[in-house]
């Protein structure tokens, strides 16, 4: 039999992550961007090795990473359809929508809707006195709870 060897388990996940990393670096606009993206991938792999290990880390540990590492993690999570906990997605401020629109345009409407609902629920449950991202409401237009 010819072709790709059968991969399973962690070997398959690592091969997919390598492919995603190559795509991420190639998407950089110019040599400097590609170099920065490559550094992000290298630091990600050194820190976590797999998306599963990254996703299992605490929000604080993931938030303590450099921007280029966080950007690669967001790109890889969307590209591989890895479910990410909402507390990290909100706290990270990554370009989730940008990656979602590029990789899954048919699902973008649902993504935007869920993001707006999450922001509205967060605003109402915390009583924050500022506009919550995606809620399209300002404190002056909020109704009292």
N, C-alpha and C. Protein backbone atom coordinates (compact mmCIF):
# COMPACT_ATOMS: atom_id res chain seq x y z
N UNK A 1 0.85 -1.17 0.00
CA UNK A 1 0.00 0.00 0.00
C UNK A 1 0.90 1.24 0.00
N UNK A 2 0.54 2.22 -0.80
CA UNK A 2 1.32 3.45 -0.87
C UNK A 2 0.53 4.60 -0.29
N UNK A 3 1.19 5.72 -0.12
CA UNK A 3 0.50 6.90 0.41
C UNK A 3 0.96 7.22 1.81
N UNK A 4 0.17 8.03 2.49
CA UNK A 4 0.49 8.46 3.85
C UNK A 4 0.38 7.31 4.82
N UNK A 5 1.30 7.21 5.76
CA UNK A 5 1.18 6.18 6.78
C UNK A 5 -0.01 6.48 7.67
N UNK A 6 -0.61 5.45 8.19
CA UNK A 6 -1.76 5.65 9.08
C UNK A 6 -1.26 6.26 10.38
N UNK A 7 -1.87 7.36 10.76
CA UNK A 7 -1.53 8.02 12.01
C UNK A 7 -2.71 7.90 12.96
N UNK A 8 -2.42 7.78 14.22
CA UNK A 8 -3.49 7.69 15.20
C UNK A 8 -3.09 8.45 16.44
N UNK A 9 -4.08 8.80 17.22
CA UNK A 9 -3.85 9.42 18.52
C UNK A 9 -3.03 10.69 18.45
N UNK A 10 -2.05 10.77 19.35
CA UNK A 10 -1.25 11.97 19.47
C UNK A 10 -0.43 12.25 18.22
N UNK A 11 0.05 11.21 17.52
CA UNK A 11 0.80 11.42 16.28
C UNK A 11 -0.04 12.17 15.25
N UNK A 12 -1.30 11.80 15.15
CA UNK A 12 -2.20 12.48 14.22
C UNK A 12 -2.41 13.93 14.63
N UNK A 13 -2.64 14.15 15.92
CA UNK A 13 -2.85 15.51 16.41
C UNK A 13 -1.62 16.38 16.18
N UNK A 14 -0.44 15.84 16.39
CA UNK A 14 0.79 16.60 16.17
C UNK A 14 0.98 16.92 14.70
N UNK A 15 0.67 15.98 13.83
CA UNK A 15 0.79 16.22 12.37
C UNK A 15 -0.18 17.32 11.94
N UNK A 16 -1.38 17.28 12.44
CA UNK A 16 -2.36 18.32 12.11
C UNK A 16 -1.88 19.67 12.63
N UNK A 17 -1.36 19.69 13.85
CA UNK A 17 -0.87 20.94 14.42
C UNK A 17 0.31 21.48 13.60
N UNK A 18 1.17 20.60 13.12
CA UNK A 18 2.28 21.03 12.26
C UNK A 18 1.75 21.67 10.98
N UNK A 19 0.72 21.08 10.38
CA UNK A 19 0.13 21.63 9.16
C UNK A 19 -0.50 23.00 9.44
N UNK A 20 -1.20 23.12 10.55
CA UNK A 20 -1.82 24.39 10.92
C UNK A 20 -0.73 25.44 11.16
N UNK A 21 0.36 25.05 11.80
CA UNK A 21 1.46 25.97 12.05
C UNK A 21 2.06 26.47 10.74
N UNK A 22 2.23 25.58 9.78
CA UNK A 22 2.75 25.98 8.47
C UNK A 22 1.81 26.98 7.80
N UNK A 23 0.51 26.73 7.86
CA UNK A 23 -0.48 27.65 7.28
C UNK A 23 -0.43 29.01 7.97
N UNK A 24 -0.31 28.99 9.29
CA UNK A 24 -0.26 30.23 10.07
C UNK A 24 0.96 31.07 9.70
N UNK A 25 2.12 30.45 9.60
CA UNK A 25 3.34 31.18 9.26
C UNK A 25 3.24 31.72 7.83
N UNK A 26 2.75 30.91 6.90
CA UNK A 26 2.62 31.36 5.51
C UNK A 26 1.65 32.52 5.36
N UNK A 27 0.68 32.63 6.25
CA UNK A 27 -0.32 33.70 6.16
C UNK A 27 0.24 35.05 6.60
N UNK A 28 1.44 35.06 7.16
CA UNK A 28 2.07 36.32 7.57
C UNK A 28 2.37 37.19 6.37
N UNK A 29 2.19 38.49 6.51
CA UNK A 29 2.39 39.43 5.42
C UNK A 29 3.83 39.95 5.43
N UNK A 30 4.70 39.25 4.75
CA UNK A 30 6.10 39.67 4.67
C UNK A 30 7.00 38.85 5.58
N UNK A 31 8.29 39.07 5.44
CA UNK A 31 9.28 38.30 6.18
C UNK A 31 9.20 38.54 7.69
N UNK A 32 9.02 39.80 8.09
CA UNK A 32 8.97 40.11 9.53
C UNK A 32 7.77 39.44 10.19
N UNK A 33 6.61 39.48 9.52
CA UNK A 33 5.42 38.85 10.09
C UNK A 33 5.59 37.34 10.16
N UNK A 34 6.15 36.74 9.13
CA UNK A 34 6.38 35.30 9.14
C UNK A 34 7.34 34.91 10.26
N UNK A 35 8.38 35.72 10.48
CA UNK A 35 9.34 35.44 11.55
C UNK A 35 8.65 35.52 12.92
N UNK A 36 7.83 36.54 13.11
CA UNK A 36 7.11 36.70 14.38
C UNK A 36 6.15 35.53 14.60
N UNK A 37 5.45 35.13 13.54
CA UNK A 37 4.52 34.00 13.66
C UNK A 37 5.28 32.71 13.96
N UNK A 38 6.41 32.53 13.32
CA UNK A 38 7.22 31.32 13.57
C UNK A 38 7.68 31.28 15.03
N UNK A 39 8.05 32.44 15.58
CA UNK A 39 8.43 32.51 16.99
C UNK A 39 7.26 32.14 17.89
N UNK A 40 6.05 32.59 17.52
CA UNK A 40 4.86 32.24 18.29
C UNK A 40 4.60 30.75 18.30
N UNK A 41 4.76 30.13 17.14
CA UNK A 41 4.58 28.67 17.04
C UNK A 41 5.62 27.96 17.88
N UNK A 42 6.88 28.39 17.78
CA UNK A 42 7.95 27.75 18.54
C UNK A 42 7.70 27.86 20.04
N UNK A 43 7.31 29.03 20.50
CA UNK A 43 7.04 29.22 21.93
C UNK A 43 5.82 28.40 22.38
N UNK A 44 4.82 28.33 21.51
CA UNK A 44 3.64 27.52 21.83
C UNK A 44 4.04 26.06 22.01
N UNK A 45 4.80 25.54 21.05
CA UNK A 45 5.20 24.14 21.11
C UNK A 45 6.09 23.87 22.31
N UNK A 46 6.97 24.80 22.65
CA UNK A 46 7.85 24.64 23.80
C UNK A 46 7.04 24.65 25.11
N UNK A 47 6.01 25.48 25.16
CA UNK A 47 5.21 25.62 26.38
C UNK A 47 4.19 24.51 26.55
N UNK A 48 3.55 24.08 25.45
CA UNK A 48 2.43 23.14 25.56
C UNK A 48 2.60 21.86 24.75
N UNK A 49 3.12 21.95 23.56
CA UNK A 49 3.31 20.77 22.72
C UNK A 49 2.09 20.34 21.94
N UNK A 50 0.91 20.48 22.54
CA UNK A 50 -0.32 20.10 21.86
C UNK A 50 -1.43 21.11 22.17
N UNK A 51 -2.43 21.13 21.33
CA UNK A 51 -3.59 21.98 21.61
C UNK A 51 -4.35 21.49 22.84
N UNK A 52 -4.38 20.19 23.04
CA UNK A 52 -5.07 19.64 24.21
C UNK A 52 -4.42 20.13 25.50
N UNK A 53 -3.09 20.13 25.54
CA UNK A 53 -2.39 20.62 26.73
C UNK A 53 -2.64 22.11 26.93
N UNK A 54 -2.63 22.88 25.84
CA UNK A 54 -2.92 24.31 25.92
C UNK A 54 -4.33 24.54 26.45
N UNK A 55 -5.29 23.81 25.92
CA UNK A 55 -6.70 24.00 26.31
C UNK A 55 -6.94 23.57 27.75
N UNK A 56 -6.13 22.66 28.26
CA UNK A 56 -6.28 22.19 29.64
C UNK A 56 -5.62 23.13 30.65
N UNK A 57 -4.76 24.01 30.17
CA UNK A 57 -4.07 24.95 31.07
C UNK A 57 -5.07 25.96 31.61
N UNK A 58 -4.74 26.55 32.73
CA UNK A 58 -5.63 27.55 33.33
C UNK A 58 -5.71 28.79 32.44
N UNK A 59 -6.79 29.54 32.60
CA UNK A 59 -6.94 30.79 31.86
C UNK A 59 -5.77 31.71 32.18
N UNK A 60 -5.38 31.78 33.43
CA UNK A 60 -4.26 32.65 33.83
C UNK A 60 -2.97 32.25 33.12
N UNK A 61 -2.70 30.95 33.03
CA UNK A 61 -1.49 30.50 32.34
C UNK A 61 -1.54 30.85 30.86
N UNK A 62 -2.70 30.67 30.24
CA UNK A 62 -2.82 30.99 28.82
C UNK A 62 -2.75 32.50 28.58
N UNK A 63 -3.28 33.29 29.51
CA UNK A 63 -3.26 34.74 29.37
C UNK A 63 -1.86 35.31 29.61
N UNK A 64 -1.01 34.57 30.29
CA UNK A 64 0.33 35.04 30.57
C UNK A 64 1.29 34.89 29.40
N UNK A 65 0.82 34.40 28.30
CA UNK A 65 1.67 34.16 27.13
C UNK A 65 1.85 35.44 26.31
N UNK A 66 2.89 35.45 25.53
CA UNK A 66 3.14 36.58 24.62
C UNK A 66 2.07 36.60 23.53
N UNK A 67 1.85 37.76 22.97
CA UNK A 67 0.81 37.95 21.96
C UNK A 67 0.94 37.00 20.79
N UNK A 68 2.16 36.79 20.30
CA UNK A 68 2.31 35.92 19.13
C UNK A 68 1.94 34.47 19.44
N UNK A 69 2.09 34.05 20.69
CA UNK A 69 1.71 32.69 21.09
C UNK A 69 0.18 32.60 21.18
N UNK A 70 -0.43 33.59 21.79
CA UNK A 70 -1.89 33.63 21.92
C UNK A 70 -2.54 33.67 20.54
N UNK A 71 -1.97 34.44 19.63
CA UNK A 71 -2.51 34.54 18.27
C UNK A 71 -2.46 33.19 17.56
N UNK A 72 -1.33 32.49 17.68
CA UNK A 72 -1.25 31.17 17.06
C UNK A 72 -2.25 30.21 17.69
N UNK A 73 -2.37 30.23 18.99
CA UNK A 73 -3.31 29.33 19.67
C UNK A 73 -4.74 29.58 19.19
N UNK A 74 -5.12 30.84 19.04
CA UNK A 74 -6.47 31.16 18.55
C UNK A 74 -6.65 30.67 17.12
N UNK A 75 -5.68 30.92 16.28
CA UNK A 75 -5.73 30.46 14.89
C UNK A 75 -5.89 28.95 14.84
N UNK A 76 -5.06 28.25 15.61
CA UNK A 76 -5.07 26.78 15.60
C UNK A 76 -6.38 26.24 16.18
N UNK A 77 -6.89 26.86 17.22
CA UNK A 77 -8.15 26.39 17.82
C UNK A 77 -9.30 26.50 16.82
N UNK A 78 -9.37 27.63 16.13
CA UNK A 78 -10.45 27.79 15.14
C UNK A 78 -10.24 26.86 13.96
N UNK A 79 -9.00 26.77 13.48
CA UNK A 79 -8.72 25.95 12.31
C UNK A 79 -9.04 24.48 12.57
N UNK A 80 -8.82 24.02 13.80
CA UNK A 80 -9.07 22.61 14.13
C UNK A 80 -10.43 22.39 14.80
N UNK A 81 -11.20 23.47 14.94
CA UNK A 81 -12.53 23.43 15.58
C UNK A 81 -12.47 22.95 17.03
N UNK A 82 -11.42 23.35 17.72
CA UNK A 82 -11.26 22.99 19.12
C UNK A 82 -12.19 23.84 19.97
N UNK A 83 -13.07 23.23 20.76
CA UNK A 83 -13.92 24.02 21.66
C UNK A 83 -13.06 24.68 22.73
N UNK A 84 -13.21 25.99 22.88
CA UNK A 84 -12.45 26.76 23.86
C UNK A 84 -13.44 27.31 24.87
N UNK A 85 -13.08 27.25 26.15
CA UNK A 85 -14.01 27.72 27.17
C UNK A 85 -14.26 29.22 27.01
N UNK A 86 -15.51 29.65 27.19
CA UNK A 86 -15.88 31.06 26.98
C UNK A 86 -15.09 32.03 27.85
N UNK A 87 -14.75 31.63 29.06
CA UNK A 87 -14.01 32.56 29.92
C UNK A 87 -12.66 32.92 29.31
N UNK A 88 -12.01 31.96 28.65
CA UNK A 88 -10.75 32.28 27.99
C UNK A 88 -10.99 33.11 26.74
N UNK A 89 -11.99 32.73 25.96
CA UNK A 89 -12.26 33.46 24.72
C UNK A 89 -12.53 34.93 24.99
N UNK A 90 -13.29 35.22 26.03
CA UNK A 90 -13.61 36.60 26.38
C UNK A 90 -12.37 37.30 26.93
N UNK A 91 -11.66 36.66 27.83
CA UNK A 91 -10.50 37.27 28.47
C UNK A 91 -9.36 37.52 27.49
N UNK A 92 -9.22 36.67 26.50
CA UNK A 92 -8.07 36.76 25.60
C UNK A 92 -8.13 37.94 24.65
N UNK A 93 -9.32 38.33 24.24
CA UNK A 93 -9.42 39.43 23.30
C UNK A 93 -8.79 39.12 21.95
N UNK A 94 -8.64 37.84 21.63
CA UNK A 94 -8.04 37.44 20.36
C UNK A 94 -8.97 37.79 19.20
N UNK A 95 -8.48 37.55 18.04
CA UNK A 95 -9.24 37.82 16.81
C UNK A 95 -10.07 36.61 16.42
N UNK A 96 -10.86 36.12 17.36
CA UNK A 96 -11.66 34.92 17.10
C UNK A 96 -12.55 35.11 15.88
N UNK A 97 -13.20 36.25 15.78
CA UNK A 97 -14.10 36.50 14.65
C UNK A 97 -13.38 36.51 13.33
N UNK A 98 -12.19 37.08 13.30
CA UNK A 98 -11.40 37.12 12.06
C UNK A 98 -11.07 35.70 11.60
N UNK A 99 -10.60 34.87 12.52
CA UNK A 99 -10.25 33.50 12.17
C UNK A 99 -11.49 32.69 11.79
N UNK A 100 -12.58 32.91 12.53
CA UNK A 100 -13.83 32.20 12.24
C UNK A 100 -14.33 32.55 10.84
N UNK A 101 -14.34 33.84 10.51
CA UNK A 101 -14.82 34.28 9.20
C UNK A 101 -13.98 33.69 8.07
N UNK A 102 -12.67 33.62 8.28
CA UNK A 102 -11.79 33.09 7.24
C UNK A 102 -11.95 31.59 7.06
N UNK A 103 -12.09 30.86 8.14
CA UNK A 103 -12.12 29.40 8.07
C UNK A 103 -13.51 28.80 7.92
N UNK A 104 -14.50 29.46 8.48
CA UNK A 104 -15.85 28.89 8.51
C UNK A 104 -16.89 29.97 8.20
N UNK A 105 -16.86 30.54 6.99
CA UNK A 105 -17.75 31.67 6.68
C UNK A 105 -19.24 31.33 6.81
N UNK A 106 -19.61 30.10 6.53
CA UNK A 106 -21.02 29.72 6.63
C UNK A 106 -21.52 29.75 8.07
N UNK A 107 -20.61 29.61 9.02
CA UNK A 107 -20.98 29.59 10.43
C UNK A 107 -20.82 30.95 11.10
N UNK A 108 -20.40 31.97 10.36
CA UNK A 108 -20.08 33.26 10.96
C UNK A 108 -21.31 33.92 11.59
N UNK A 109 -22.47 33.80 10.97
CA UNK A 109 -23.68 34.39 11.53
C UNK A 109 -23.98 33.84 12.92
N UNK A 110 -23.87 32.55 13.08
CA UNK A 110 -24.11 31.92 14.39
C UNK A 110 -23.05 32.37 15.39
N UNK A 111 -21.81 32.49 14.96
CA UNK A 111 -20.73 32.94 15.84
C UNK A 111 -21.02 34.35 16.36
N UNK A 112 -21.41 35.25 15.48
CA UNK A 112 -21.70 36.64 15.87
C UNK A 112 -22.89 36.67 16.83
N UNK A 113 -23.93 35.90 16.51
CA UNK A 113 -25.11 35.85 17.38
C UNK A 113 -24.73 35.38 18.78
N UNK A 114 -23.98 34.30 18.87
CA UNK A 114 -23.59 33.77 20.19
C UNK A 114 -22.71 34.75 20.95
N UNK A 115 -21.83 35.45 20.23
CA UNK A 115 -20.96 36.42 20.88
C UNK A 115 -21.79 37.56 21.46
N UNK A 116 -22.80 38.01 20.74
CA UNK A 116 -23.66 39.10 21.23
C UNK A 116 -24.48 38.64 22.44
N UNK A 117 -25.01 37.44 22.38
CA UNK A 117 -25.77 36.91 23.51
C UNK A 117 -24.87 36.78 24.73
N UNK A 118 -23.66 36.24 24.55
CA UNK A 118 -22.72 36.09 25.66
C UNK A 118 -22.41 37.45 26.28
N UNK A 119 -22.17 38.46 25.44
CA UNK A 119 -21.85 39.80 25.95
C UNK A 119 -23.03 40.38 26.72
N UNK A 120 -24.25 40.19 26.22
CA UNK A 120 -25.43 40.72 26.89
C UNK A 120 -25.65 40.03 28.23
N UNK A 121 -25.50 38.72 28.26
CA UNK A 121 -25.65 37.97 29.52
C UNK A 121 -24.58 38.40 30.52
N UNK A 122 -23.36 38.55 30.04
CA UNK A 122 -22.27 38.97 30.92
C UNK A 122 -22.54 40.36 31.48
N UNK A 123 -22.99 41.27 30.63
CA UNK A 123 -23.28 42.63 31.07
C UNK A 123 -24.38 42.65 32.12
N UNK A 124 -25.42 41.91 31.88
CA UNK A 124 -26.54 41.90 32.83
C UNK A 124 -26.19 41.20 34.13
N UNK A 125 -25.41 40.13 34.05
CA UNK A 125 -25.11 39.39 35.27
C UNK A 125 -24.05 40.09 36.13
N UNK A 126 -23.17 40.88 35.50
CA UNK A 126 -22.14 41.56 36.27
C UNK A 126 -22.51 43.01 36.57
N UNK A 127 -23.49 43.54 35.85
CA UNK A 127 -23.88 44.93 36.04
C UNK A 127 -22.78 45.89 35.66
N UNK A 128 -21.96 45.48 34.71
CA UNK A 128 -20.83 46.34 34.34
C UNK A 128 -21.34 47.68 33.81
N UNK A 129 -20.65 48.73 34.14
CA UNK A 129 -21.07 50.06 33.75
C UNK A 129 -20.41 50.53 32.48
N UNK A 130 -20.21 49.65 31.55
CA UNK A 130 -19.59 50.01 30.28
C UNK A 130 -20.25 49.18 29.19
N UNK A 131 -20.00 49.53 27.97
CA UNK A 131 -20.51 48.74 26.87
C UNK A 131 -19.76 47.43 26.83
N UNK A 132 -20.47 46.33 26.78
CA UNK A 132 -19.83 45.04 26.67
C UNK A 132 -19.65 44.72 25.19
N UNK A 133 -18.51 44.16 24.80
CA UNK A 133 -18.24 43.91 23.38
C UNK A 133 -19.36 43.13 22.71
N UNK A 134 -19.78 43.65 21.58
CA UNK A 134 -20.77 42.94 20.78
C UNK A 134 -22.20 43.12 21.25
N UNK A 135 -22.45 43.81 22.34
CA UNK A 135 -23.82 43.89 22.84
C UNK A 135 -24.61 45.00 22.18
N UNK A 136 -23.91 45.94 21.53
CA UNK A 136 -24.55 47.07 20.88
C UNK A 136 -25.40 47.89 21.85
N UNK A 137 -25.06 47.88 23.08
CA UNK A 137 -25.79 48.69 24.04
C UNK A 137 -24.81 49.50 24.85
N UNK A 138 -25.25 50.66 25.26
CA UNK A 138 -24.42 51.47 26.13
C UNK A 138 -25.10 51.53 27.48
N UNK A 139 -24.40 51.91 28.52
CA UNK A 139 -25.01 51.95 29.85
C UNK A 139 -26.26 52.83 29.90
N UNK A 140 -26.28 53.91 29.12
CA UNK A 140 -27.44 54.81 29.16
C UNK A 140 -28.68 54.19 28.53
N UNK A 141 -28.52 53.18 27.67
CA UNK A 141 -29.67 52.54 27.02
C UNK A 141 -30.09 51.25 27.70
N UNK A 142 -29.37 50.87 28.75
CA UNK A 142 -29.73 49.63 29.45
C UNK A 142 -30.97 49.85 30.28
N UNK A 143 -31.78 48.82 30.34
CA UNK A 143 -32.93 48.84 31.22
C UNK A 143 -32.51 48.34 32.59
N UNK A 144 -33.09 48.87 33.65
CA UNK A 144 -32.76 48.36 34.98
C UNK A 144 -33.18 46.90 35.09
N UNK A 145 -32.42 46.14 35.85
CA UNK A 145 -32.73 44.70 36.03
C UNK A 145 -33.90 44.54 36.96
